[in-house]
Amino acid sequence: MNPAEIKRKRTESVLKELLPEAFSMLDDSQLQTLVVTEVVCSRGRYDSKVFLDKADIDESTQSEILKKLRKVQGFLKNYVKESEGWYRSPNFAFEFDDHMERISKIEDLFNQIKKESSNDN
């Protein structure tokens, strides 16, 4: 791993810790309870994708939350900048993470295959 990759990974780790802190300081109960599952920064660390846990959040609420997050992005960037003493903060692109859903579907498929193969014997 070269030094640039190490810096990017360190930035991702710091953002994964700081963003939930910043969410908890907001006056919106929907945003206060958001869980950050992963942060992926671009090579130059100017942009980052923030993946949020979508446990028990329906589609319409998800789009509403994403709109609210776009509105408070300035506050989030300032919070991160001031907390770490950085000159600038990356831009955030928020998405809901469907990784756990895909894993669950794959496990269900494996279980179904296992049942079918045991019924054939």
N, C-alpha and C. Protein backbone atom coordinates (compact mmCIF):
# COMPACT_ATOMS: atom_id res chain seq x y z
N MET A 1 0.85 -1.18 0.00
CA MET A 1 0.00 0.00 0.00
C MET A 1 0.89 1.24 0.00
N ASN A 2 0.67 2.12 -0.95
CA ASN A 2 1.51 3.32 -1.02
C ASN A 2 0.98 4.40 -0.06
N PRO A 3 1.77 5.43 0.20
CA PRO A 3 1.37 6.47 1.17
C PRO A 3 0.04 7.16 0.83
N ALA A 4 -0.25 7.35 -0.45
CA ALA A 4 -1.51 8.00 -0.83
C ALA A 4 -2.71 7.13 -0.45
N GLU A 5 -2.58 5.82 -0.64
CA GLU A 5 -3.67 4.90 -0.27
C GLU A 5 -3.86 4.88 1.24
N ILE A 6 -2.77 4.94 1.97
CA ILE A 6 -2.85 4.95 3.44
C ILE A 6 -3.58 6.21 3.91
N LYS A 7 -3.25 7.36 3.31
CA LYS A 7 -3.93 8.61 3.68
C LYS A 7 -5.41 8.54 3.36
N ARG A 8 -5.75 7.97 2.20
CA ARG A 8 -7.16 7.84 1.81
C ARG A 8 -7.91 6.94 2.78
N LYS A 9 -7.31 5.82 3.16
CA LYS A 9 -7.95 4.90 4.11
C LYS A 9 -8.12 5.57 5.48
N ARG A 10 -7.14 6.34 5.88
CA ARG A 10 -7.22 7.05 7.16
C ARG A 10 -8.35 8.08 7.12
N THR A 11 -8.46 8.80 6.01
CA THR A 11 -9.54 9.78 5.84
C THR A 11 -10.90 9.08 5.89
N GLU A 12 -11.03 7.96 5.21
CA GLU A 12 -12.28 7.20 5.22
C GLU A 12 -12.64 6.78 6.64
N SER A 13 -11.65 6.32 7.39
CA SER A 13 -11.89 5.88 8.77
C SER A 13 -12.34 7.04 9.66
N VAL A 14 -11.68 8.18 9.51
CA VAL A 14 -12.04 9.36 10.31
C VAL A 14 -13.46 9.81 9.98
N LEU A 15 -13.80 9.84 8.68
CA LEU A 15 -15.14 10.25 8.28
C LEU A 15 -16.21 9.29 8.81
N LYS A 16 -15.88 8.01 8.83
CA LYS A 16 -16.84 7.02 9.33
C LYS A 16 -17.16 7.24 10.81
N GLU A 17 -16.22 7.80 11.55
CA GLU A 17 -16.45 8.11 12.95
C GLU A 17 -17.12 9.47 13.15
N LEU A 18 -16.69 10.47 12.37
CA LEU A 18 -17.16 11.85 12.59
C LEU A 18 -18.58 12.10 12.08
N LEU A 19 -18.96 11.48 10.98
CA LEU A 19 -20.28 11.77 10.42
C LEU A 19 -21.42 11.38 11.37
N PRO A 20 -21.39 10.21 12.02
CA PRO A 20 -22.46 9.93 12.99
C PRO A 20 -22.50 10.94 14.15
N GLU A 21 -21.33 11.43 14.56
CA GLU A 21 -21.29 12.47 15.59
C GLU A 21 -22.00 13.72 15.09
N ALA A 22 -21.71 14.10 13.86
CA ALA A 22 -22.34 15.29 13.27
C ALA A 22 -23.84 15.08 13.12
N PHE A 23 -24.26 13.88 12.70
CA PHE A 23 -25.69 13.59 12.58
C PHE A 23 -26.39 13.77 13.92
N SER A 24 -25.74 13.34 15.00
CA SER A 24 -26.38 13.41 16.32
C SER A 24 -26.57 14.85 16.79
N MET A 25 -25.85 15.79 16.21
CA MET A 25 -25.97 17.19 16.61
C MET A 25 -27.09 17.92 15.87
N LEU A 26 -27.66 17.28 14.86
CA LEU A 26 -28.73 17.90 14.07
C LEU A 26 -30.06 17.83 14.82
N ASP A 27 -30.99 18.72 14.46
CA ASP A 27 -32.29 18.78 15.12
C ASP A 27 -33.32 17.83 14.53
N ASP A 28 -32.94 17.00 13.59
CA ASP A 28 -33.85 16.10 12.91
C ASP A 28 -33.67 14.67 13.44
N SER A 29 -34.73 14.09 13.99
CA SER A 29 -34.63 12.76 14.59
C SER A 29 -34.32 11.69 13.55
N GLN A 30 -34.77 11.88 12.30
CA GLN A 30 -34.45 10.90 11.25
C GLN A 30 -32.96 10.88 10.96
N LEU A 31 -32.34 12.03 10.98
CA LEU A 31 -30.91 12.12 10.67
C LEU A 31 -30.04 11.73 11.86
N GLN A 32 -30.54 11.97 13.06
CA GLN A 32 -29.76 11.66 14.26
C GLN A 32 -29.48 10.18 14.41
N THR A 33 -30.37 9.34 13.91
CA THR A 33 -30.24 7.90 14.12
C THR A 33 -29.57 7.17 12.95
N LEU A 34 -29.10 7.89 11.94
CA LEU A 34 -28.48 7.23 10.79
C LEU A 34 -27.17 6.56 11.17
N VAL A 35 -26.94 5.40 10.56
CA VAL A 35 -25.72 4.63 10.81
C VAL A 35 -24.89 4.60 9.52
N VAL A 36 -23.64 5.00 9.63
CA VAL A 36 -22.74 4.98 8.48
C VAL A 36 -22.11 3.59 8.41
N THR A 37 -22.31 2.90 7.28
CA THR A 37 -21.75 1.56 7.14
C THR A 37 -20.37 1.59 6.48
N GLU A 38 -20.17 2.54 5.57
CA GLU A 38 -18.90 2.61 4.88
C GLU A 38 -18.73 3.99 4.25
N VAL A 39 -17.47 4.41 4.12
CA VAL A 39 -17.13 5.65 3.43
C VAL A 39 -16.04 5.32 2.42
N VAL A 40 -16.23 5.75 1.19
CA VAL A 40 -15.25 5.51 0.13
C VAL A 40 -14.87 6.87 -0.46
N CYS A 41 -13.59 7.22 -0.33
CA CYS A 41 -13.11 8.50 -0.84
C CYS A 41 -12.49 8.33 -2.23
N SER A 42 -12.56 9.40 -3.02
CA SER A 42 -11.91 9.40 -4.33
C SER A 42 -10.40 9.47 -4.13
N ARG A 43 -9.67 9.30 -5.20
CA ARG A 43 -8.20 9.29 -5.10
C ARG A 43 -7.65 10.58 -4.51
N GLY A 44 -8.21 11.71 -4.89
CA GLY A 44 -7.72 12.98 -4.38
C GLY A 44 -8.35 13.39 -3.05
N ARG A 45 -9.26 12.58 -2.56
CA ARG A 45 -9.99 12.81 -1.30
C ARG A 45 -10.82 14.09 -1.33
N TYR A 46 -11.25 14.51 -2.54
CA TYR A 46 -12.12 15.67 -2.66
C TYR A 46 -13.59 15.27 -2.60
N ASP A 47 -13.87 14.05 -2.96
CA ASP A 47 -15.24 13.55 -2.95
C ASP A 47 -15.27 12.23 -2.19
N SER A 48 -16.39 11.98 -1.53
CA SER A 48 -16.53 10.72 -0.84
C SER A 48 -17.98 10.23 -0.95
N LYS A 49 -18.12 8.93 -1.04
CA LYS A 49 -19.43 8.29 -1.03
C LYS A 49 -19.65 7.76 0.36
N VAL A 50 -20.76 8.14 0.96
CA VAL A 50 -21.09 7.70 2.31
C VAL A 50 -22.27 6.75 2.20
N PHE A 51 -22.05 5.52 2.65
CA PHE A 51 -23.10 4.50 2.61
C PHE A 51 -23.77 4.41 3.97
N LEU A 52 -25.09 4.46 3.95
CA LEU A 52 -25.89 4.46 5.18
C LEU A 52 -26.68 3.17 5.30
N ASP A 53 -26.87 2.72 6.52
CA ASP A 53 -27.66 1.52 6.77
C ASP A 53 -29.13 1.84 6.56
N LYS A 54 -29.81 1.01 5.77
CA LYS A 54 -31.21 1.31 5.48
C LYS A 54 -32.17 0.37 6.20
N ALA A 55 -31.76 -0.10 7.35
CA ALA A 55 -32.57 -1.03 8.12
C ALA A 55 -33.93 -0.42 8.46
N ASP A 56 -34.99 -1.06 8.00
CA ASP A 56 -36.38 -0.67 8.29
C ASP A 56 -36.73 0.74 7.82
N ILE A 57 -36.11 1.22 6.77
CA ILE A 57 -36.45 2.53 6.21
C ILE A 57 -37.02 2.30 4.82
N ASP A 58 -38.25 2.73 4.60
CA ASP A 58 -38.88 2.49 3.30
C ASP A 58 -38.35 3.46 2.24
N GLU A 59 -38.69 3.20 0.98
CA GLU A 59 -38.16 3.96 -0.16
C GLU A 59 -38.46 5.45 -0.08
N SER A 60 -39.69 5.82 0.26
CA SER A 60 -40.05 7.25 0.29
C SER A 60 -39.30 7.97 1.41
N THR A 61 -39.14 7.32 2.54
CA THR A 61 -38.39 7.92 3.65
C THR A 61 -36.92 8.05 3.28
N GLN A 62 -36.40 7.08 2.54
CA GLN A 62 -35.00 7.15 2.11
C GLN A 62 -34.75 8.38 1.24
N SER A 63 -35.64 8.62 0.28
CA SER A 63 -35.44 9.78 -0.59
C SER A 63 -35.58 11.08 0.19
N GLU A 64 -36.49 11.09 1.16
CA GLU A 64 -36.66 12.27 2.02
C GLU A 64 -35.38 12.53 2.83
N ILE A 65 -34.80 11.48 3.37
CA ILE A 65 -33.58 11.60 4.17
C ILE A 65 -32.43 12.10 3.30
N LEU A 66 -32.32 11.57 2.07
CA LEU A 66 -31.25 12.01 1.18
C LEU A 66 -31.37 13.49 0.84
N LYS A 67 -32.61 13.98 0.66
CA LYS A 67 -32.82 15.41 0.41
C LYS A 67 -32.36 16.23 1.61
N LYS A 68 -32.71 15.78 2.81
CA LYS A 68 -32.31 16.50 4.02
C LYS A 68 -30.79 16.52 4.16
N LEU A 69 -30.15 15.40 3.83
CA LEU A 69 -28.69 15.33 3.94
C LEU A 69 -28.01 16.29 2.95
N ARG A 70 -28.58 16.45 1.77
CA ARG A 70 -28.02 17.41 0.82
C ARG A 70 -28.12 18.84 1.37
N LYS A 71 -29.21 19.12 2.09
CA LYS A 71 -29.40 20.47 2.65
C LYS A 71 -28.41 20.76 3.78
N VAL A 72 -28.03 19.74 4.56
CA VAL A 72 -27.15 19.97 5.72
C VAL A 72 -25.68 19.65 5.40
N GLN A 73 -25.38 19.46 4.13
CA GLN A 73 -24.01 19.10 3.75
C GLN A 73 -22.99 20.15 4.18
N GLY A 74 -23.36 21.42 4.11
CA GLY A 74 -22.45 22.48 4.55
C GLY A 74 -22.09 22.35 6.02
N PHE A 75 -23.10 22.07 6.85
CA PHE A 75 -22.84 21.88 8.27
C PHE A 75 -21.92 20.68 8.49
N LEU A 76 -22.19 19.60 7.78
CA LEU A 76 -21.39 18.38 7.94
C LEU A 76 -19.93 18.63 7.54
N LYS A 77 -19.72 19.34 6.43
CA LYS A 77 -18.37 19.64 5.98
C LYS A 77 -17.63 20.51 6.99
N ASN A 78 -18.32 21.53 7.54
CA ASN A 78 -17.69 22.39 8.55
C ASN A 78 -17.37 21.62 9.81
N TYR A 79 -18.27 20.73 10.22
CA TYR A 79 -18.03 19.93 11.43
C TYR A 79 -16.78 19.07 11.27
N VAL A 80 -16.66 18.41 10.12
CA VAL A 80 -15.51 17.55 9.86
C VAL A 80 -14.23 18.39 9.80
N LYS A 81 -14.29 19.52 9.11
CA LYS A 81 -13.11 20.40 8.99
C LYS A 81 -12.63 20.86 10.36
N GLU A 82 -13.56 21.34 11.17
CA GLU A 82 -13.17 21.89 12.47
C GLU A 82 -12.74 20.80 13.43
N SER A 83 -13.36 19.64 13.38
CA SER A 83 -13.01 18.55 14.29
C SER A 83 -11.59 18.04 14.04
N GLU A 84 -11.19 17.97 12.79
CA GLU A 84 -9.89 17.41 12.46
C GLU A 84 -8.84 18.47 12.16
N GLY A 85 -9.25 19.74 12.07
CA GLY A 85 -8.30 20.80 11.76
C GLY A 85 -7.85 20.77 10.30
N TRP A 86 -8.69 20.22 9.44
CA TRP A 86 -8.37 20.14 8.01
C TRP A 86 -8.60 21.48 7.35
N TYR A 87 -7.90 21.69 6.24
CA TYR A 87 -8.08 22.90 5.45
C TYR A 87 -9.41 22.84 4.70
N ARG A 88 -9.75 21.66 4.21
CA ARG A 88 -11.02 21.48 3.51
C ARG A 88 -11.54 20.08 3.79
N SER A 89 -12.83 19.93 3.56
CA SER A 89 -13.51 18.65 3.77
C SER A 89 -13.98 18.13 2.41
N PRO A 90 -14.02 16.81 2.26
CA PRO A 90 -14.52 16.28 0.99
C PRO A 90 -16.01 16.56 0.81
N ASN A 91 -16.45 16.56 -0.42
CA ASN A 91 -17.88 16.63 -0.71
C ASN A 91 -18.47 15.25 -0.43
N PHE A 92 -19.69 15.23 0.05
CA PHE A 92 -20.33 13.97 0.41
C PHE A 92 -21.44 13.62 -0.57
N ALA A 93 -21.45 12.37 -1.00
CA ALA A 93 -22.55 11.82 -1.78
C ALA A 93 -23.11 10.67 -0.95
N PHE A 94 -24.35 10.81 -0.53
CA PHE A 94 -24.95 9.82 0.36
C PHE A 94 -25.76 8.79 -0.43
N GLU A 95 -25.65 7.53 -0.01
CA GLU A 95 -26.41 6.44 -0.61
C GLU A 95 -26.80 5.48 0.50
N PHE A 96 -27.92 4.81 0.29
CA PHE A 96 -28.29 3.76 1.24
C PHE A 96 -27.67 2.45 0.77
N ASP A 97 -27.06 1.74 1.70
CA ASP A 97 -26.31 0.52 1.41
C ASP A 97 -27.26 -0.67 1.33
N ASP A 98 -27.24 -1.35 0.20
CA ASP A 98 -28.08 -2.55 0.06
C ASP A 98 -27.24 -3.82 0.10
N HIS A 99 -26.03 -3.70 0.59
CA HIS A 99 -25.11 -4.83 0.68
C HIS A 99 -25.67 -5.97 1.53
N MET A 100 -26.25 -5.63 2.67
CA MET A 100 -26.79 -6.66 3.56
C MET A 100 -27.97 -7.38 2.92
N GLU A 101 -28.77 -6.65 2.17
CA GLU A 101 -29.90 -7.28 1.47
C GLU A 101 -29.41 -8.29 0.44
N ARG A 102 -28.38 -7.91 -0.30
CA ARG A 102 -27.84 -8.82 -1.32
C ARG A 102 -27.26 -10.07 -0.66
N ILE A 103 -26.57 -9.92 0.45
CA ILE A 103 -26.02 -11.07 1.16
C ILE A 103 -27.14 -11.99 1.62
N SER A 104 -28.20 -11.40 2.14
CA SER A 104 -29.35 -12.19 2.61
C SER A 104 -29.99 -12.96 1.46
N LYS A 105 -30.14 -12.32 0.31
CA LYS A 105 -30.73 -12.99 -0.85
C LYS A 105 -29.85 -14.16 -1.31
N ILE A 106 -28.55 -13.95 -1.32
CA ILE A 106 -27.63 -15.01 -1.73
C ILE A 106 -27.70 -16.18 -0.76
N GLU A 107 -27.75 -15.88 0.55
CA GLU A 107 -27.86 -16.95 1.54
C GLU A 107 -29.17 -17.72 1.37
N ASP A 108 -30.25 -17.01 1.07
CA ASP A 108 -31.54 -17.68 0.83
C ASP A 108 -31.44 -18.62 -0.37
N LEU A 109 -30.77 -18.16 -1.43
CA LEU A 109 -30.60 -19.00 -2.61
C LEU A 109 -29.78 -20.26 -2.28
N PHE A 110 -28.72 -20.11 -1.51
CA PHE A 110 -27.93 -21.27 -1.12
C PHE A 110 -28.75 -22.25 -0.29
N ASN A 111 -29.55 -21.71 0.64
CA ASN A 111 -30.40 -22.58 1.45
C ASN A 111 -31.42 -23.32 0.59
N GLN A 112 -31.98 -22.62 -0.40
CA GLN A 112 -32.94 -23.24 -1.31
C GLN A 112 -32.27 -24.36 -2.12
N ILE A 113 -31.07 -24.12 -2.61
CA ILE A 113 -30.34 -25.13 -3.36
C ILE A 113 -30.03 -26.33 -2.48
N LYS A 114 -29.66 -26.05 -1.24
CA LYS A 114 -29.35 -27.12 -0.30
C LYS A 114 -30.57 -28.00 -0.05
N LYS A 115 -31.75 -27.36 0.14
CA LYS A 115 -32.99 -28.10 0.35
C LYS A 115 -33.33 -28.96 -0.86
N GLU A 116 -33.21 -28.36 -2.06
CA GLU A 116 -33.54 -29.09 -3.28
C GLU A 116 -32.60 -30.26 -3.50
N SER A 117 -31.31 -30.08 -3.17
CA SER A 117 -30.37 -31.18 -3.37
C SER A 117 -30.59 -32.29 -2.34
N SER A 118 -31.01 -31.92 -1.12
CA SER A 118 -31.29 -32.95 -0.12
C SER A 118 -32.59 -33.69 -0.42
N ASN A 119 -33.54 -33.04 -1.07
CA ASN A 119 -34.80 -33.70 -1.47
C ASN A 119 -34.57 -34.67 -2.63
N ASP A 120 -33.58 -34.38 -3.47
CA ASP A 120 -33.28 -35.25 -4.61
C ASP A 120 -32.65 -36.56 -4.17
N ASN A 121 -31.97 -36.56 -3.04
CA ASN A 121 -31.28 -37.78 -2.56
C ASN A 121 -32.21 -38.70 -1.92
